[in-house]
Amino acid sequence: MYQKDMKITMDEMRGMPALSNDGRILGTIRNVVMNTKSGELLDIVVEPKEGVDPMLFRQDAQGNVMFPFEDVVSVRDVVVIKTERLD
């Protein structure tokens, strides 16, 4: 999980590359989904790169793939997301 004392804005995250925890490029960060009552971050939304099959993942109406925000492993120059093996 990301460091609790680390702070980053959505503007800073938007456009960052998203990688799986095994190093594969998933695509580009587009948005996050938040519960407006609790403020909990629910999902991270990724525009899949060419060659990534969005049918392997949960999708939004625009065809972006969605990962539970709790699966974000690291945020630095890239966002690393815990995924099942992609074969």
Protein backbone atom coordinates (compact mmCIF):
# COMPACT_ATOMS: atom_id res chain seq x y z
CA MET A 1 0.00 0.00 0.00
CA TYR A 2 1.12 3.59 -0.45
CA GLN A 3 2.81 5.39 2.42
CA LYS A 4 0.26 6.98 4.76
CA ASP A 5 2.21 10.25 5.03
CA MET A 6 2.58 10.62 1.28
CA LYS A 7 0.33 13.20 -0.36
CA ILE A 8 -0.41 13.55 -4.06
CA THR A 9 -3.17 15.35 -5.90
CA MET A 10 -5.34 13.84 -8.60
CA ASP A 11 -3.91 16.42 -11.01
CA GLU A 12 -0.43 15.01 -10.28
CA MET A 13 -1.60 11.39 -10.72
CA ARG A 14 -3.60 11.96 -13.90
CA GLY A 15 -1.46 10.97 -16.88
CA MET A 16 0.97 8.83 -14.86
CA PRO A 17 1.80 5.39 -16.23
CA ALA A 18 0.08 2.50 -14.44
CA LEU A 19 2.07 -0.73 -14.07
CA SER A 20 1.08 -4.11 -12.71
CA ASN A 21 3.04 -5.45 -9.77
CA ASP A 22 4.84 -7.81 -12.18
CA GLY A 23 6.07 -4.83 -14.24
CA ARG A 24 3.65 -4.83 -17.17
CA ILE A 25 2.39 -1.49 -18.45
CA LEU A 26 -1.38 -1.33 -17.96
CA GLY A 27 -2.00 2.15 -19.31
CA THR A 28 -2.43 5.71 -18.07
CA ILE A 29 -4.12 6.95 -14.88
CA ARG A 30 -7.28 8.87 -15.75
CA ASN A 31 -9.25 9.29 -12.54
CA VAL A 32 -10.25 7.94 -9.14
CA VAL A 33 -13.69 7.03 -7.82
CA MET A 34 -14.59 8.26 -4.33
CA ASN A 35 -17.49 7.57 -1.98
CA THR A 36 -18.90 11.06 -1.43
CA LYS A 37 -20.35 10.23 1.99
CA SER A 38 -17.27 8.61 3.57
CA GLY A 39 -14.52 10.17 1.44
CA GLU A 40 -13.10 6.68 0.87
CA LEU A 41 -11.21 6.22 -2.39
CA LEU A 42 -12.83 3.22 -4.07
CA ASP A 43 -11.23 2.72 -7.48
CA ILE A 44 -8.42 3.94 -9.66
CA VAL A 45 -9.36 4.37 -13.32
CA VAL A 46 -6.81 3.48 -16.02
CA GLU A 47 -7.02 4.06 -19.75
CA PRO A 48 -5.64 0.76 -21.04
CA LYS A 49 -2.66 0.84 -23.37
CA GLU A 50 -2.92 -0.81 -26.75
CA GLY A 51 -2.47 -4.53 -26.31
CA VAL A 52 -4.08 -4.68 -22.85
CA ASP A 53 -7.40 -6.53 -23.05
CA PRO A 54 -9.90 -4.46 -21.03
CA MET A 55 -12.21 -7.49 -20.92
CA LEU A 56 -9.83 -9.00 -18.34
CA PHE A 57 -10.80 -6.27 -15.86
CA ARG A 58 -13.76 -4.39 -14.50
CA GLN A 59 -14.55 -1.45 -16.80
CA ASP A 60 -16.33 1.88 -16.73
CA ALA A 61 -18.74 3.08 -19.44
CA GLN A 62 -15.87 4.56 -21.48
CA GLY A 63 -13.91 1.28 -21.63
CA ASN A 64 -11.34 2.33 -19.03
CA VAL A 65 -10.28 -0.38 -16.60
CA MET A 66 -10.92 -0.01 -12.88
CA PHE A 67 -8.90 -1.39 -10.00
CA PRO A 68 -9.77 -1.23 -6.29
CA PHE A 69 -7.85 1.66 -4.78
CA GLU A 70 -6.67 -0.67 -2.01
CA ASP A 71 -4.66 -2.51 -4.70
CA VAL A 72 -2.42 0.52 -5.29
CA VAL A 73 0.99 -0.67 -4.13
CA SER A 74 3.16 2.37 -4.85
CA VAL A 75 2.93 5.91 -6.21
CA ARG A 76 6.13 7.54 -7.34
CA ASP A 77 6.88 8.39 -11.00
CA VAL A 78 4.50 5.54 -11.88
CA VAL A 79 1.53 3.96 -10.12
CA VAL A 80 1.99 0.27 -9.33
CA ILE A 81 -1.21 -1.74 -8.98
CA LYS A 82 -1.49 -5.25 -7.57
CA THR A 83 -3.08 -7.44 -10.24
CA GLU A 84 -3.50 -11.12 -10.87
CA ARG A 85 -0.97 -12.47 -13.37
CA LEU A 86 -1.75 -11.28 -16.87
CA ASP A 87 -1.13 -14.09 -19.36
